[in-house]
């Protein structure tokens, strides 16, 4: 890993609305667990559990959480 010596990813601190959002995603993926690919959904649920337990998240975590949020919002718009 050339050029990463001393690199520390930026960390964001969770606020109350972050925990609420993660709870919504956990419910959403929990419902999907019984009706879809359990392995991928299980990995997402595991990631969300880990994020909820932490007080901080990195830029990489932020991108992944936003992708999951977009998936939730897309599904919510197509569901009557």
Protein backbone atom coordinates (compact mmCIF):
# COMPACT_ATOMS: atom_id res chain seq x y z
CA UNK A 1 0.00 0.00 0.00
CA UNK A 2 2.17 2.79 -1.29
CA UNK A 3 1.32 6.28 -0.08
CA UNK A 4 -0.90 5.29 2.84
CA UNK A 5 1.64 5.54 5.64
CA UNK A 6 0.13 7.61 8.41
CA UNK A 7 -3.24 7.81 6.66
CA UNK A 8 -6.19 8.09 9.03
CA UNK A 9 -9.68 8.11 7.52
CA UNK A 10 -11.95 10.97 8.57
CA UNK A 11 -14.44 9.97 11.25
CA UNK A 12 -17.93 11.37 11.75
CA UNK A 13 -19.75 11.19 15.07
CA UNK A 14 -23.23 9.65 15.19
CA UNK A 15 -26.15 11.81 16.25
CA UNK A 16 -29.65 10.73 17.31
CA UNK A 17 -31.04 10.87 13.77
CA UNK A 18 -28.31 8.49 12.58
CA UNK A 19 -29.40 5.83 15.08
CA UNK A 20 -33.04 6.27 14.02
CA UNK A 21 -32.08 5.88 10.36
CA UNK A 22 -30.07 2.73 11.06
CA UNK A 23 -33.05 1.29 12.96
CA UNK A 24 -35.28 1.92 9.93
CA UNK A 25 -32.76 0.17 7.68
CA UNK A 26 -32.53 -2.76 10.12
CA UNK A 27 -36.33 -3.21 10.01
CA UNK A 28 -36.31 -2.95 6.20
CA UNK A 29 -33.55 -5.53 5.72
CA UNK A 30 -35.03 -7.74 8.44
CA UNK A 31 -38.24 -7.98 6.38
CA UNK A 32 -36.23 -8.68 3.22
CA UNK A 33 -34.28 -11.45 4.95
CA UNK A 34 -37.19 -13.88 4.77
CA UNK A 35 -38.05 -13.12 1.14
CA UNK A 36 -34.67 -12.72 -0.61
CA UNK A 37 -31.02 -13.74 -0.71
CA UNK A 38 -30.34 -14.32 2.98
CA UNK A 39 -26.55 -14.13 2.73
CA UNK A 40 -26.35 -10.62 1.25
CA UNK A 41 -29.13 -9.27 3.44
CA UNK A 42 -27.55 -10.94 6.47
CA UNK A 43 -24.26 -9.21 5.69
CA UNK A 44 -26.06 -5.86 5.51
CA UNK A 45 -27.81 -6.49 8.82
CA UNK A 46 -24.49 -7.43 10.41
CA UNK A 47 -22.92 -4.22 9.08
CA UNK A 48 -25.82 -2.14 10.43
CA UNK A 49 -25.55 -3.80 13.85
CA UNK A 50 -21.84 -3.00 13.94
CA UNK A 51 -22.43 0.61 12.88
CA UNK A 52 -25.13 1.08 15.50
CA UNK A 53 -22.77 -0.17 18.20
CA UNK A 54 -20.08 2.37 17.19
CA UNK A 55 -20.11 6.06 17.99
CA UNK A 56 -18.23 7.03 14.84
CA UNK A 57 -18.24 6.12 11.17
CA UNK A 58 -15.71 6.66 8.39
CA UNK A 59 -16.19 8.07 4.91
CA UNK A 60 -16.25 4.51 3.56
CA UNK A 61 -19.00 3.59 6.05
CA UNK A 62 -20.89 6.74 5.08
CA UNK A 63 -20.87 5.75 1.41
CA UNK A 64 -22.11 2.23 2.20
CA UNK A 65 -24.86 3.54 4.51
CA UNK A 66 -25.99 6.00 1.84
CA UNK A 67 -26.14 3.22 -0.77
CA UNK A 68 -28.31 1.18 1.59
CA UNK A 69 -30.48 4.24 2.25
CA UNK A 70 -30.92 4.79 -1.49
CA UNK A 71 -31.94 1.15 -1.94
CA UNK A 72 -34.53 1.56 0.82
CA UNK A 73 -35.89 4.79 -0.67
CA UNK A 74 -36.05 3.29 -4.17
CA UNK A 75 -37.99 0.28 -2.89
CA UNK A 76 -40.27 2.51 -0.81
CA UNK A 77 -41.20 4.58 -3.89
CA UNK A 78 -42.10 1.49 -5.95
CA UNK A 79 -44.14 -0.14 -3.18
CA UNK A 80 -47.76 1.07 -3.08
